[in-house]
Amino acid sequence: MLKIWGRASAVNVQKAMWAVGETGLPHERIDVGGKFGGLDEPAYVAKNPNRRVPTLEDGELILYESGAIVRYLAAKYSPEELWSQDEKERALIDQWMEWTVSTLYPDFIALFWLVFRTPVADRDAKRIASVNAAANKAYQILEDHLADREYLVGDRFTAADIPAGMTLYRYLEMKEIDLPHLPNLRRWYAALCERPAYQTHIMLDFEELRGRLDF
């Protein structure tokens, strides 16, 4: 059975679990990291020397880095749905996955930490405003791209939608940040919210993280 190590509230674990959910594979998720600890245990370090989550085990394969996990699951277990056999379409899937890591995610996660995970008394309003603006700029790129397509790569859901789509639940549900007018993005978000795997693995309460800098 496929195994994923990582706590359910960790965004990169959610990314991997969403992909697992889309494949319908039997699986087991094992709590590790955050309040569960275990990242420094020798047995875990042997699997992932970075001492981070997620880590996937599929038979003899041990794999870390959430993007690599999503690509692996898509290519092996959903080659016609999440992935593609067309080289051009596959390149576009890869492009948006890479764009999320390089452009969107750094500002998204910085904003989440500055606003939600930092205690109110310790928040830096000027820094928050700067990062909020940078994140909004990245989401505007998605907004513009989605003006004439349903999903990031055309009119079908693929692995391209998972990394960026994973961020939307927290970005759009945080009440403390300024959001621009994003009708195309919200339409895409609404479509993702209808997917059972998104509901199960992404739309999770994250209140336990409020004001928490310790994990």
Protein backbone atom coordinates (compact mmCIF):
# COMPACT_ATOMS: atom_id res chain seq x y z
CA MET A 1 0.00 0.00 0.00
CA LEU A 2 1.17 3.51 -0.80
CA LYS A 3 2.38 5.41 2.28
CA ILE A 4 2.77 9.15 2.80
CA TRP A 5 4.54 10.59 5.83
CA GLY A 6 3.44 14.04 6.98
CA ARG A 7 0.83 15.85 9.06
CA ALA A 8 -2.43 16.70 7.34
CA SER A 9 -2.14 20.46 7.95
CA ALA A 10 1.23 20.83 6.16
CA VAL A 11 0.61 22.43 2.77
CA ASN A 12 3.16 20.34 0.88
CA VAL A 13 1.70 17.19 2.38
CA GLN A 14 -1.72 18.39 1.24
CA LYS A 15 -0.34 18.81 -2.27
CA ALA A 16 0.85 15.20 -2.33
CA MET A 17 -2.31 13.88 -0.70
CA TRP A 18 -4.52 15.69 -3.19
CA ALA A 19 -2.67 13.88 -5.98
CA VAL A 20 -3.09 10.58 -4.14
CA GLY A 21 -6.78 11.29 -3.74
CA GLU A 22 -7.20 12.02 -7.45
CA THR A 23 -5.67 8.65 -8.36
CA GLY A 24 -7.96 6.75 -5.99
CA LEU A 25 -5.04 4.61 -4.80
CA PRO A 26 -5.29 2.74 -1.50
CA HIS A 27 -2.96 4.57 0.86
CA GLU A 28 -1.95 5.30 4.40
CA ARG A 29 -0.91 8.70 5.70
CA ILE A 30 1.36 8.64 8.74
CA ASP A 31 1.48 11.68 11.04
CA VAL A 32 4.97 13.10 11.39
CA GLY A 33 6.28 16.63 11.77
CA GLY A 34 4.88 19.59 13.70
CA LYS A 35 3.25 18.58 16.97
CA PHE A 36 3.78 14.92 16.07
CA GLY A 37 7.58 15.18 15.89
CA GLY A 38 9.48 12.25 14.47
CA LEU A 39 11.46 14.11 11.82
CA ASP A 40 14.75 13.43 13.60
CA GLU A 41 14.06 9.77 14.23
CA PRO A 42 16.72 7.64 12.53
CA ALA A 43 14.13 5.56 10.69
CA TYR A 44 12.62 8.70 9.16
CA VAL A 45 15.96 10.36 8.42
CA ALA A 46 16.93 7.22 6.50
CA LYS A 47 13.95 7.88 4.24
CA ASN A 48 14.29 11.66 4.03
CA PRO A 49 17.61 13.17 5.12
CA ASN A 50 16.11 16.65 4.81
CA ARG A 51 13.94 15.91 7.87
CA ARG A 52 10.93 17.41 6.14
CA VAL A 53 7.57 16.26 4.85
CA PRO A 54 6.13 14.75 2.76
CA THR A 55 7.84 11.47 2.02
CA LEU A 56 6.27 8.81 -0.17
CA GLU A 57 6.89 5.07 -0.10
CA ASP A 58 5.62 2.99 -3.00
CA GLY A 59 7.05 -0.49 -2.82
CA GLU A 60 10.82 -0.11 -3.02
CA LEU A 61 10.64 3.53 -4.05
CA ILE A 62 11.22 6.21 -1.41
CA LEU A 63 10.54 9.70 -2.75
CA TYR A 64 10.57 13.18 -1.22
CA GLU A 65 9.88 16.69 -2.57
CA SER A 66 6.17 17.26 -3.06
CA GLY A 67 6.42 18.28 -6.71
CA ALA A 68 8.32 15.13 -7.57
CA ILE A 69 5.70 13.10 -5.71
CA VAL A 70 2.85 14.71 -7.67
CA ARG A 71 4.63 14.11 -10.99
CA TYR A 72 5.38 10.49 -10.10
CA LEU A 73 1.81 9.72 -9.07
CA ALA A 74 0.41 11.44 -12.14
CA ALA A 75 2.77 9.77 -14.61
CA LYS A 76 2.51 6.28 -13.14
CA TYR A 77 -1.06 6.06 -11.94
CA SER A 78 -2.96 8.67 -13.99
CA PRO A 79 -1.04 9.07 -17.27
CA GLU A 80 -4.09 10.07 -19.31
CA GLU A 81 -5.87 12.24 -16.75
CA LEU A 82 -3.48 14.02 -14.38
CA TRP A 83 -0.55 13.70 -16.78
CA SER A 84 -0.33 13.64 -20.57
CA GLN A 85 1.21 11.56 -23.31
CA ASP A 86 1.42 14.62 -25.54
CA GLU A 87 4.83 16.26 -25.22
CA LYS A 88 3.54 19.82 -25.62
CA GLU A 89 0.74 19.40 -23.11
CA ARG A 90 3.10 17.68 -20.70
CA ALA A 91 5.55 20.57 -21.02
CA LEU A 92 2.78 23.01 -20.11
CA ILE A 93 1.84 20.93 -17.08
CA ASP A 94 5.46 21.01 -16.01
CA GLN A 95 5.69 24.74 -16.69
CA TRP A 96 2.87 25.62 -14.31
CA MET A 97 4.15 23.29 -11.63
CA GLU A 98 7.56 24.97 -11.86
CA TRP A 99 6.01 28.45 -11.96
CA THR A 100 4.16 27.77 -8.75
CA VAL A 101 7.34 26.75 -6.96
CA SER A 102 9.45 29.63 -8.26
CA THR A 103 6.96 32.50 -8.39
CA LEU A 104 3.72 31.91 -6.49
CA TYR A 105 4.58 29.72 -3.54
CA PRO A 106 7.34 31.84 -1.92
CA ASP A 107 5.06 34.87 -1.54
CA PHE A 108 2.01 32.78 -0.64
CA ILE A 109 3.75 30.93 2.18
CA ALA A 110 5.52 34.06 3.44
CA LEU A 111 2.17 35.85 3.61
CA PHE A 112 0.57 32.95 5.45
CA TRP A 113 3.35 32.93 8.05
CA LEU A 114 3.42 36.70 8.46
CA VAL A 115 -0.34 37.01 8.85
CA PHE A 116 -1.69 33.78 10.23
CA ARG A 117 1.14 32.05 12.01
CA THR A 118 2.66 35.14 13.61
CA PRO A 119 1.05 36.36 16.85
CA VAL A 120 -0.82 39.64 16.38
CA ALA A 121 1.55 41.54 18.67
CA ASP A 122 4.54 40.48 16.58
CA ARG A 123 3.17 41.21 13.11
CA ASP A 124 5.05 43.61 10.85
CA ALA A 125 2.37 45.60 9.03
CA LYS A 126 4.78 47.09 6.50
CA ARG A 127 6.26 43.70 5.64
CA ILE A 128 2.79 42.15 5.40
CA ALA A 129 1.65 44.85 2.98
CA SER A 130 4.70 44.30 0.79
CA VAL A 131 4.33 40.52 0.65
CA ASN A 132 0.56 40.77 0.23
CA ALA A 133 1.11 42.97 -2.84
CA ALA A 134 3.67 40.54 -4.27
CA ALA A 135 1.35 37.57 -3.74
CA ASN A 136 -1.56 39.42 -5.31
CA LYS A 137 0.63 40.15 -8.34
CA ALA A 138 1.33 36.44 -8.77
CA TYR A 139 -2.33 35.53 -8.40
CA GLN A 140 -3.15 38.19 -11.00
CA ILE A 141 -1.01 36.22 -13.45
CA LEU A 142 -3.28 33.24 -12.83
CA GLU A 143 -6.34 35.46 -13.13
CA ASP A 144 -5.26 36.69 -16.55
CA HIS A 145 -4.24 33.22 -17.72
CA LEU A 146 -7.63 31.77 -16.76
CA ALA A 147 -9.57 34.36 -18.75
CA ASP A 148 -10.01 31.99 -21.69
CA ARG A 149 -9.56 28.52 -20.19
CA GLU A 150 -11.15 26.42 -17.47
CA TYR A 151 -7.94 25.06 -15.96
CA LEU A 152 -4.27 25.94 -16.15
CA VAL A 153 -3.66 23.70 -19.14
CA GLY A 154 -6.75 24.05 -21.30
CA ASP A 155 -10.16 22.74 -20.36
CA ARG A 156 -9.31 19.69 -18.31
CA PHE A 157 -7.96 19.23 -14.80
CA THR A 158 -4.33 18.04 -14.68
CA ALA A 159 -1.42 17.87 -12.28
CA ALA A 160 -0.68 21.48 -13.30
CA ASP A 161 -3.64 22.60 -11.19
CA ILE A 162 -2.51 20.89 -8.00
CA PRO A 163 0.41 23.03 -6.73
CA ALA A 164 -1.20 26.42 -7.40
CA GLY A 165 -4.70 25.21 -6.57
CA MET A 166 -3.48 23.93 -3.22
CA THR A 167 -2.70 27.50 -2.13
CA LEU A 168 -6.14 28.92 -2.91
CA TYR A 169 -7.99 27.63 0.13
CA ARG A 170 -5.77 29.51 2.55
CA TYR A 171 -5.18 32.54 0.34
CA LEU A 172 -8.88 33.14 -0.27
CA GLU A 173 -10.06 32.15 3.20
CA MET A 174 -7.64 34.29 5.24
CA LYS A 175 -9.72 37.26 6.37
CA GLU A 176 -6.78 39.45 7.35
CA ILE A 177 -5.35 40.09 3.89
CA ASP A 178 -6.31 42.39 1.04
CA LEU A 179 -7.55 40.54 -2.04
CA PRO A 180 -7.94 41.97 -5.52
CA HIS A 181 -10.93 41.31 -7.77
CA LEU A 182 -10.23 37.84 -9.17
CA PRO A 183 -13.37 36.45 -10.86
CA ASN A 184 -11.55 33.97 -13.12
CA LEU A 185 -9.47 32.68 -10.22
CA ARG A 186 -12.56 32.30 -8.06
CA ARG A 187 -14.34 30.40 -10.84
CA TRP A 188 -11.37 28.02 -11.02
CA TYR A 189 -11.37 27.75 -7.22
CA ALA A 190 -15.08 26.89 -7.23
CA ALA A 191 -14.42 24.09 -9.72
CA LEU A 192 -11.60 22.73 -7.55
CA CYS A 193 -13.83 22.86 -4.46
CA GLU A 194 -16.24 20.47 -6.19
CA ARG A 195 -13.55 17.79 -6.43
CA PRO A 196 -13.82 15.21 -3.60
CA ALA A 197 -10.04 14.93 -3.26
CA TYR A 198 -9.77 18.71 -2.82
CA GLN A 199 -12.47 18.67 -0.18
CA THR A 200 -10.80 15.81 1.67
CA HIS A 201 -7.18 16.92 1.60
CA ILE A 202 -7.12 20.70 1.05
CA MET A 203 -10.26 22.15 2.60
CA LEU A 204 -9.11 21.40 6.14
CA ASP A 205 -9.39 23.67 9.13
CA PHE A 206 -6.02 25.31 9.79
CA GLU A 207 -6.92 27.15 12.98
CA GLU A 208 -4.41 25.08 14.96
CA LEU A 209 -1.67 27.02 13.16
CA ARG A 210 -2.86 30.48 14.19
CA GLY A 211 -0.12 32.36 16.01
CA ARG A 212 2.16 29.30 15.97
CA LEU A 213 5.79 29.81 14.98
CA ASP A 214 7.05 26.70 16.74
CA PHE A 215 6.16 24.13 14.07
